Amino acid sequence: MWTAEALHAACVLAREMQAGIALVALIPAQRLSWLGTDLPYRQLSSQFQCDLRDYTQIAEGYGVPVALYEMQYSDFMPAIVEAAGAVGAQTVCVHLPPSLIPRWSALQARLLRRRLAQMGCALVEQFPFPQDLACRPDRSASDSPARSLAAHH
């Protein structure tokens, strides 16, 4: 399960950097008119809530501060950028969905990486994490208790 593996790796990184984890549950809204209502939540399984609880417990097990956020979205990629900005993330760990169109996934990942970099944020999609993430200076320890973002959708 990608999210659990990413969270374990993010927790190790966060502990080394003395940072926290913002676990963002991205909730898809099937229709734009559903945004801001409880309708997208009705589509979630009970397993989804159990997973969120388990993910929170994983982070707590590492002794890393964790904050859980839920965010509705209509477009996945902009939602990642918005969530990263909202929590002041320094690193974003996210599993990007594959595309049926050749090279589309790579293009979207490149654009997402560029948008996050403009915010001073790194995108991680693979394990183990690149070594330079652990060496990045702690930019703003007092700005936000949750600077490493693990997105779950």
N, C-alpha and C. Protein backbone atom coordinates (compact mmCIF):
# COMPACT_ATOMS: atom_id res chain seq x y z
N MET A 1 0.85 -1.17 0.00
CA MET A 1 0.00 0.00 0.00
C MET A 1 0.89 1.24 0.00
N TRP A 2 0.79 2.02 -1.06
CA TRP A 2 1.70 3.14 -1.27
C TRP A 2 1.62 4.17 -0.16
N THR A 3 0.44 4.53 0.28
CA THR A 3 0.30 5.59 1.27
C THR A 3 0.99 5.23 2.57
N ALA A 4 0.82 4.01 3.05
CA ALA A 4 1.47 3.58 4.30
C ALA A 4 2.99 3.59 4.15
N GLU A 5 3.50 3.09 3.03
CA GLU A 5 4.94 3.10 2.79
C GLU A 5 5.47 4.53 2.73
N ALA A 6 4.76 5.40 2.03
CA ALA A 6 5.17 6.79 1.93
C ALA A 6 5.16 7.45 3.31
N LEU A 7 4.15 7.13 4.09
CA LEU A 7 4.04 7.73 5.42
C LEU A 7 5.18 7.28 6.32
N HIS A 8 5.53 6.01 6.29
CA HIS A 8 6.68 5.53 7.08
C HIS A 8 7.95 6.29 6.69
N ALA A 9 8.19 6.40 5.39
CA ALA A 9 9.39 7.11 4.92
C ALA A 9 9.33 8.59 5.29
N ALA A 10 8.15 9.21 5.15
CA ALA A 10 8.00 10.63 5.50
C ALA A 10 8.21 10.85 6.99
N CYS A 11 7.77 9.90 7.81
CA CYS A 11 7.94 10.03 9.26
C CYS A 11 9.42 9.97 9.64
N VAL A 12 10.16 9.09 8.99
CA VAL A 12 11.61 9.01 9.25
C VAL A 12 12.26 10.33 8.87
N LEU A 13 11.91 10.85 7.70
CA LEU A 13 12.45 12.12 7.24
C LEU A 13 12.04 13.26 8.18
N ALA A 14 10.78 13.29 8.56
CA ALA A 14 10.29 14.36 9.45
C ALA A 14 10.99 14.30 10.80
N ARG A 15 11.20 13.11 11.31
CA ARG A 15 11.89 12.98 12.60
C ARG A 15 13.32 13.50 12.50
N GLU A 16 14.01 13.16 11.41
CA GLU A 16 15.38 13.63 11.21
C GLU A 16 15.44 15.15 11.09
N MET A 17 14.42 15.72 10.46
CA MET A 17 14.39 17.17 10.24
C MET A 17 13.69 17.92 11.37
N GLN A 18 13.21 17.18 12.37
CA GLN A 18 12.45 17.75 13.48
C GLN A 18 11.25 18.55 12.94
N ALA A 19 10.52 17.90 12.05
CA ALA A 19 9.35 18.51 11.42
C ALA A 19 8.13 17.68 11.77
N GLY A 20 7.00 18.05 11.24
CA GLY A 20 5.77 17.32 11.46
C GLY A 20 5.20 16.82 10.15
N ILE A 21 4.12 16.08 10.27
CA ILE A 21 3.44 15.52 9.10
C ILE A 21 2.04 16.12 9.01
N ALA A 22 1.70 16.59 7.82
CA ALA A 22 0.32 16.99 7.54
C ALA A 22 -0.24 15.90 6.64
N LEU A 23 -1.13 15.13 7.17
CA LEU A 23 -1.77 14.08 6.39
C LEU A 23 -3.05 14.66 5.80
N VAL A 24 -3.07 14.79 4.48
CA VAL A 24 -4.19 15.43 3.82
C VAL A 24 -5.00 14.38 3.07
N ALA A 25 -6.24 14.24 3.47
CA ALA A 25 -7.16 13.34 2.77
C ALA A 25 -7.84 14.15 1.69
N LEU A 26 -7.53 13.85 0.45
CA LEU A 26 -8.13 14.55 -0.68
C LEU A 26 -9.41 13.82 -1.07
N ILE A 27 -10.52 14.51 -0.91
CA ILE A 27 -11.85 13.94 -1.11
C ILE A 27 -12.39 14.41 -2.47
N PRO A 28 -12.56 13.50 -3.42
CA PRO A 28 -13.05 13.93 -4.75
C PRO A 28 -14.53 14.31 -4.72
N ALA A 29 -14.84 15.42 -5.34
CA ALA A 29 -16.23 15.84 -5.52
C ALA A 29 -16.62 15.47 -6.95
N GLN A 30 -17.61 14.63 -7.09
CA GLN A 30 -18.01 14.16 -8.41
C GLN A 30 -18.58 15.27 -9.29
N ARG A 31 -19.12 16.29 -8.64
CA ARG A 31 -19.68 17.44 -9.36
C ARG A 31 -19.19 18.71 -8.68
N LEU A 32 -18.99 19.75 -9.47
CA LEU A 32 -18.54 21.02 -8.89
C LEU A 32 -19.53 21.55 -7.87
N SER A 33 -20.79 21.32 -8.08
CA SER A 33 -21.81 21.81 -7.15
C SER A 33 -21.75 21.10 -5.80
N TRP A 34 -21.02 19.99 -5.72
CA TRP A 34 -20.88 19.26 -4.46
C TRP A 34 -19.79 19.86 -3.57
N LEU A 35 -18.89 20.66 -4.14
CA LEU A 35 -17.81 21.23 -3.34
C LEU A 35 -18.37 22.05 -2.18
N GLY A 36 -17.83 21.85 -1.00
CA GLY A 36 -18.28 22.58 0.17
C GLY A 36 -19.50 21.99 0.84
N THR A 37 -19.98 20.86 0.34
CA THR A 37 -21.13 20.20 0.95
C THR A 37 -20.67 18.87 1.55
N ASP A 38 -21.58 18.16 2.17
CA ASP A 38 -21.23 16.86 2.73
C ASP A 38 -21.40 15.73 1.71
N LEU A 39 -21.86 16.03 0.51
CA LEU A 39 -22.10 15.01 -0.51
C LEU A 39 -20.85 14.19 -0.87
N PRO A 40 -19.65 14.81 -1.04
CA PRO A 40 -18.48 13.98 -1.35
C PRO A 40 -18.14 12.97 -0.24
N TYR A 41 -18.45 13.31 1.00
CA TYR A 41 -18.14 12.43 2.12
C TYR A 41 -19.04 11.19 2.12
N ARG A 42 -20.21 11.31 1.53
CA ARG A 42 -21.13 10.17 1.47
C ARG A 42 -20.61 9.07 0.55
N GLN A 43 -19.69 9.44 -0.34
CA GLN A 43 -19.13 8.48 -1.28
C GLN A 43 -17.98 7.67 -0.67
N LEU A 44 -17.53 8.05 0.52
CA LEU A 44 -16.37 7.40 1.14
C LEU A 44 -16.78 6.11 1.84
N SER A 45 -15.89 5.16 1.80
CA SER A 45 -16.14 3.89 2.48
C SER A 45 -15.73 4.00 3.95
N SER A 46 -16.21 3.08 4.75
CA SER A 46 -15.79 3.04 6.15
C SER A 46 -14.31 2.70 6.23
N GLN A 47 -13.80 1.98 5.25
CA GLN A 47 -12.37 1.64 5.22
C GLN A 47 -11.52 2.91 5.10
N PHE A 48 -12.03 3.91 4.40
CA PHE A 48 -11.30 5.17 4.24
C PHE A 48 -11.04 5.80 5.61
N GLN A 49 -12.06 5.86 6.46
CA GLN A 49 -11.90 6.43 7.80
C GLN A 49 -10.94 5.58 8.64
N CYS A 50 -11.03 4.27 8.52
CA CYS A 50 -10.10 3.38 9.24
C CYS A 50 -8.67 3.62 8.79
N ASP A 51 -8.47 3.78 7.48
CA ASP A 51 -7.14 4.05 6.95
C ASP A 51 -6.57 5.35 7.52
N LEU A 52 -7.39 6.41 7.56
CA LEU A 52 -6.92 7.68 8.10
C LEU A 52 -6.50 7.54 9.56
N ARG A 53 -7.28 6.80 10.33
CA ARG A 53 -6.93 6.57 11.74
C ARG A 53 -5.61 5.80 11.83
N ASP A 54 -5.45 4.78 11.00
CA ASP A 54 -4.21 4.00 11.00
C ASP A 54 -3.01 4.86 10.62
N TYR A 55 -3.18 5.72 9.62
CA TYR A 55 -2.08 6.60 9.19
C TYR A 55 -1.69 7.56 10.30
N THR A 56 -2.65 8.08 11.00
CA THR A 56 -2.36 8.98 12.12
C THR A 56 -1.58 8.24 13.20
N GLN A 57 -1.96 7.01 13.48
CA GLN A 57 -1.27 6.21 14.49
C GLN A 57 0.15 5.87 14.06
N ILE A 58 0.37 5.66 12.77
CA ILE A 58 1.73 5.40 12.29
C ILE A 58 2.62 6.58 12.62
N ALA A 59 2.18 7.79 12.29
CA ALA A 59 2.99 8.99 12.55
C ALA A 59 3.22 9.17 14.04
N GLU A 60 2.18 8.96 14.83
CA GLU A 60 2.32 9.10 16.29
C GLU A 60 3.32 8.07 16.82
N GLY A 61 3.36 6.89 16.21
CA GLY A 61 4.31 5.85 16.61
C GLY A 61 5.77 6.26 16.41
N TYR A 62 6.01 7.14 15.46
CA TYR A 62 7.35 7.65 15.23
C TYR A 62 7.67 8.84 16.13
N GLY A 63 6.69 9.28 16.90
CA GLY A 63 6.89 10.44 17.75
C GLY A 63 6.93 11.74 16.95
N VAL A 64 6.30 11.74 15.80
CA VAL A 64 6.29 12.90 14.92
C VAL A 64 4.93 13.59 15.06
N PRO A 65 4.92 14.91 15.23
CA PRO A 65 3.63 15.60 15.28
C PRO A 65 2.87 15.38 13.97
N VAL A 66 1.59 15.09 14.08
CA VAL A 66 0.78 14.84 12.89
C VAL A 66 -0.52 15.63 12.99
N ALA A 67 -0.90 16.21 11.86
CA ALA A 67 -2.17 16.92 11.76
C ALA A 67 -2.92 16.32 10.57
N LEU A 68 -4.18 16.02 10.78
CA LEU A 68 -5.01 15.45 9.73
C LEU A 68 -5.91 16.53 9.15
N TYR A 69 -5.89 16.65 7.84
CA TYR A 69 -6.73 17.62 7.13
C TYR A 69 -7.55 16.87 6.09
N GLU A 70 -8.76 17.32 5.86
CA GLU A 70 -9.58 16.80 4.77
C GLU A 70 -9.85 17.95 3.82
N MET A 71 -9.71 17.67 2.53
CA MET A 71 -9.89 18.71 1.53
C MET A 71 -10.64 18.14 0.34
N GLN A 72 -11.72 18.77 -0.02
CA GLN A 72 -12.47 18.37 -1.20
C GLN A 72 -11.80 18.98 -2.44
N TYR A 73 -11.90 18.25 -3.55
CA TYR A 73 -11.31 18.78 -4.77
C TYR A 73 -12.11 18.33 -5.99
N SER A 74 -11.94 19.10 -7.06
CA SER A 74 -12.52 18.72 -8.35
C SER A 74 -11.42 18.39 -9.35
N ASP A 75 -10.22 18.91 -9.13
CA ASP A 75 -9.08 18.67 -10.02
C ASP A 75 -7.88 18.31 -9.14
N PHE A 76 -7.39 17.10 -9.29
CA PHE A 76 -6.41 16.53 -8.38
C PHE A 76 -5.09 17.32 -8.31
N MET A 77 -4.48 17.61 -9.43
CA MET A 77 -3.17 18.27 -9.41
C MET A 77 -3.21 19.65 -8.74
N PRO A 78 -4.13 20.53 -9.11
CA PRO A 78 -4.20 21.81 -8.40
C PRO A 78 -4.51 21.64 -6.91
N ALA A 79 -5.25 20.60 -6.57
CA ALA A 79 -5.56 20.35 -5.15
C ALA A 79 -4.30 20.04 -4.36
N ILE A 80 -3.37 19.33 -4.97
CA ILE A 80 -2.10 19.02 -4.29
C ILE A 80 -1.34 20.31 -4.00
N VAL A 81 -1.27 21.18 -5.00
CA VAL A 81 -0.56 22.45 -4.83
C VAL A 81 -1.24 23.30 -3.76
N GLU A 82 -2.56 23.37 -3.81
CA GLU A 82 -3.30 24.17 -2.84
C GLU A 82 -3.12 23.62 -1.42
N ALA A 83 -3.17 22.30 -1.28
CA ALA A 83 -2.99 21.69 0.04
C ALA A 83 -1.58 21.95 0.56
N ALA A 84 -0.59 21.83 -0.30
CA ALA A 84 0.79 22.08 0.12
C ALA A 84 0.96 23.51 0.61
N GLY A 85 0.38 24.44 -0.11
CA GLY A 85 0.44 25.84 0.30
C GLY A 85 -0.30 26.10 1.59
N ALA A 86 -1.45 25.45 1.76
CA ALA A 86 -2.27 25.67 2.95
C ALA A 86 -1.58 25.22 4.23
N VAL A 87 -0.81 24.14 4.15
CA VAL A 87 -0.14 23.64 5.36
C VAL A 87 1.32 24.08 5.43
N GLY A 88 1.80 24.79 4.41
CA GLY A 88 3.20 25.23 4.41
C GLY A 88 4.17 24.08 4.26
N ALA A 89 3.81 23.11 3.41
CA ALA A 89 4.64 21.92 3.24
C ALA A 89 5.99 22.25 2.64
N GLN A 90 6.99 21.53 3.09
CA GLN A 90 8.33 21.63 2.55
C GLN A 90 8.58 20.46 1.58
N THR A 91 7.92 19.34 1.84
CA THR A 91 8.03 18.14 1.01
C THR A 91 6.63 17.56 0.82
N VAL A 92 6.30 17.17 -0.40
CA VAL A 92 5.02 16.54 -0.69
C VAL A 92 5.27 15.12 -1.17
N CYS A 93 4.67 14.15 -0.49
CA CYS A 93 4.74 12.75 -0.90
C CYS A 93 3.36 12.39 -1.42
N VAL A 94 3.27 12.06 -2.68
CA VAL A 94 1.97 11.77 -3.28
C VAL A 94 2.13 10.73 -4.38
N HIS A 95 1.13 9.87 -4.48
CA HIS A 95 1.07 8.90 -5.56
C HIS A 95 0.21 9.49 -6.66
N LEU A 96 0.83 9.76 -7.79
CA LEU A 96 0.10 10.35 -8.91
C LEU A 96 -0.54 9.24 -9.73
N PRO A 97 -1.81 9.39 -10.04
CA PRO A 97 -2.50 8.34 -10.78
C PRO A 97 -1.95 8.21 -12.20
N PRO A 98 -1.88 6.99 -12.70
CA PRO A 98 -1.41 6.80 -14.08
C PRO A 98 -2.45 7.31 -15.08
N SER A 99 -1.99 7.58 -16.27
CA SER A 99 -2.88 8.06 -17.32
C SER A 99 -2.90 7.05 -18.46
N LEU A 100 -4.01 7.01 -19.16
CA LEU A 100 -4.11 6.15 -20.33
C LEU A 100 -3.40 6.76 -21.54
N ILE A 101 -3.16 8.05 -21.48
CA ILE A 101 -2.49 8.76 -22.57
C ILE A 101 -0.98 8.67 -22.36
N PRO A 102 -0.24 8.14 -23.33
CA PRO A 102 1.21 8.02 -23.18
C PRO A 102 1.86 9.37 -22.87
N ARG A 103 2.78 9.34 -21.95
CA ARG A 103 3.58 10.50 -21.53
C ARG A 103 2.80 11.56 -20.76
N TRP A 104 1.49 11.44 -20.64
CA TRP A 104 0.70 12.45 -19.93
C TRP A 104 1.05 12.49 -18.45
N SER A 105 1.22 11.32 -17.84
CA SER A 105 1.57 11.26 -16.42
C SER A 105 2.91 11.95 -16.16
N ALA A 106 3.87 11.69 -17.03
CA ALA A 106 5.19 12.32 -16.86
C ALA A 106 5.10 13.83 -17.00
N LEU A 107 4.31 14.30 -17.95
CA LEU A 107 4.13 15.74 -18.14
C LEU A 107 3.45 16.36 -16.91
N GLN A 108 2.40 15.72 -16.42
CA GLN A 108 1.71 16.25 -15.24
C GLN A 108 2.64 16.27 -14.03
N ALA A 109 3.43 15.23 -13.85
CA ALA A 109 4.37 15.20 -12.73
C ALA A 109 5.39 16.32 -12.85
N ARG A 110 5.88 16.57 -14.05
CA ARG A 110 6.86 17.65 -14.26
C ARG A 110 6.24 19.01 -13.94
N LEU A 111 4.99 19.22 -14.39
CA LEU A 111 4.32 20.49 -14.10
C LEU A 111 4.05 20.65 -12.60
N LEU A 112 3.63 19.58 -11.96
CA LEU A 112 3.40 19.62 -10.52
C LEU A 112 4.69 19.92 -9.77
N ARG A 113 5.76 19.24 -10.16
CA ARG A 113 7.07 19.47 -9.53
C ARG A 113 7.49 20.93 -9.66
N ARG A 114 7.25 21.52 -10.85
CA ARG A 114 7.62 22.92 -11.09
C ARG A 114 6.79 23.86 -10.21
N ARG A 115 5.47 23.61 -10.13
CA ARG A 115 4.61 24.48 -9.31
C ARG A 115 4.98 24.40 -7.84
N LEU A 116 5.28 23.20 -7.37
CA LEU A 116 5.67 23.04 -5.97
C LEU A 116 7.03 23.68 -5.71
N ALA A 117 7.96 23.53 -6.66
CA ALA A 117 9.29 24.13 -6.51
C ALA A 117 9.20 25.65 -6.40
N GLN A 118 8.26 26.25 -7.12
CA GLN A 118 8.06 27.70 -7.04
C GLN A 118 7.66 28.12 -5.63
N MET A 119 7.09 27.17 -4.87
CA MET A 119 6.69 27.43 -3.49
C MET A 119 7.78 26.99 -2.51
N GLY A 120 8.91 26.51 -3.03
CA GLY A 120 9.98 26.03 -2.17
C GLY A 120 9.69 24.64 -1.60
N CYS A 121 8.96 23.85 -2.35
CA CYS A 121 8.51 22.55 -1.88
C CYS A 121 8.98 21.46 -2.85
N ALA A 122 9.42 20.32 -2.30
CA ALA A 122 9.88 19.20 -3.12
C ALA A 122 8.76 18.17 -3.29
N LEU A 123 8.72 17.53 -4.45
CA LEU A 123 7.77 16.47 -4.73
C LEU A 123 8.49 15.14 -4.68
N VAL A 124 7.93 14.19 -3.94
CA VAL A 124 8.49 12.85 -3.84
C VAL A 124 7.43 11.86 -4.28
N GLU A 125 7.80 11.03 -5.26
CA GLU A 125 6.89 10.00 -5.76
C GLU A 125 7.48 8.61 -5.62
N GLN A 126 8.73 8.51 -5.19
CA GLN A 126 9.42 7.22 -5.20
C GLN A 126 10.18 7.00 -3.90
N PHE A 127 10.56 5.74 -3.69
CA PHE A 127 11.33 5.36 -2.51
C PHE A 127 12.57 4.63 -2.96
N PRO A 128 13.67 4.69 -2.23
CA PRO A 128 13.82 5.55 -1.07
C PRO A 128 13.85 7.02 -1.49
N PHE A 129 13.64 7.89 -0.52
CA PHE A 129 13.65 9.32 -0.81
C PHE A 129 15.02 9.75 -1.31
N PRO A 130 15.04 10.73 -2.19
CA PRO A 130 16.34 11.28 -2.62
C PRO A 130 17.12 11.81 -1.42
N GLN A 131 18.44 11.59 -1.43
CA GLN A 131 19.30 11.97 -0.31
C GLN A 131 19.26 13.46 -0.02
N ASP A 132 19.11 14.28 -1.03
CA ASP A 132 19.17 15.73 -0.79
C ASP A 132 18.00 16.25 0.04
N LEU A 133 16.92 15.48 0.17
CA LEU A 133 15.81 15.93 1.01
C LEU A 133 16.22 16.00 2.48
N ALA A 134 16.98 15.01 2.92
CA ALA A 134 17.40 14.98 4.32
C ALA A 134 18.39 16.10 4.62
N CYS A 135 19.03 16.64 3.60
CA CYS A 135 20.04 17.68 3.80
C CYS A 135 19.48 19.09 3.67
N ARG A 136 18.22 19.21 3.30
CA ARG A 136 17.64 20.54 3.13
C ARG A 136 17.54 21.26 4.46
N PRO A 137 17.91 22.51 4.51
CA PRO A 137 17.82 23.24 5.77
C PRO A 137 16.37 23.42 6.21
N ASP A 138 16.18 23.49 7.51
CA ASP A 138 14.85 23.70 8.08
C ASP A 138 14.51 25.17 7.92
N ARG A 139 13.65 25.48 6.94
CA ARG A 139 13.36 26.87 6.58
C ARG A 139 12.62 27.64 7.65
N SER A 140 11.60 27.01 8.23
CA SER A 140 10.71 27.79 9.07
C SER A 140 10.10 26.92 10.15
N ALA A 141 10.89 26.53 11.10
CA ALA A 141 10.42 25.61 12.13
C ALA A 141 9.23 26.17 12.90
N SER A 142 9.16 27.47 13.04
CA SER A 142 8.06 28.04 13.82
C SER A 142 6.85 28.39 12.96
N ASP A 143 7.00 28.38 11.65
CA ASP A 143 5.90 28.78 10.78
C ASP A 143 4.73 27.80 10.81
N SER A 144 5.03 26.52 10.78
CA SER A 144 3.96 25.53 10.69
C SER A 144 4.38 24.24 11.38
N PRO A 145 3.52 23.66 12.19
CA PRO A 145 3.87 22.41 12.83
C PRO A 145 3.87 21.25 11.85
N ALA A 146 3.29 21.42 10.69
CA ALA A 146 3.18 20.34 9.72
C ALA A 146 3.74 20.80 8.39
N ARG A 147 4.96 20.38 8.10
CA ARG A 147 5.59 20.85 6.85
C ARG A 147 5.82 19.73 5.86
N SER A 148 5.72 18.50 6.26
CA SER A 148 5.85 17.39 5.32
C SER A 148 4.45 16.87 5.04
N LEU A 149 4.06 16.90 3.82
CA LEU A 149 2.68 16.57 3.44
C LEU A 149 2.63 15.19 2.81
N ALA A 150 1.80 14.34 3.35
CA ALA A 150 1.52 13.05 2.73
C ALA A 150 0.07 13.08 2.30
N ALA A 151 -0.14 13.02 1.01
CA ALA A 151 -1.51 13.12 0.50
C ALA A 151 -2.10 11.74 0.28
N HIS A 152 -3.34 11.59 0.66
CA HIS A 152 -4.06 10.33 0.50
C HIS A 152 -5.33 10.61 -0.26
N HIS A 153 -5.56 9.84 -1.30
CA HIS A 153 -6.83 10.03 -2.04
C HIS A 153 -7.42 8.69 -2.36
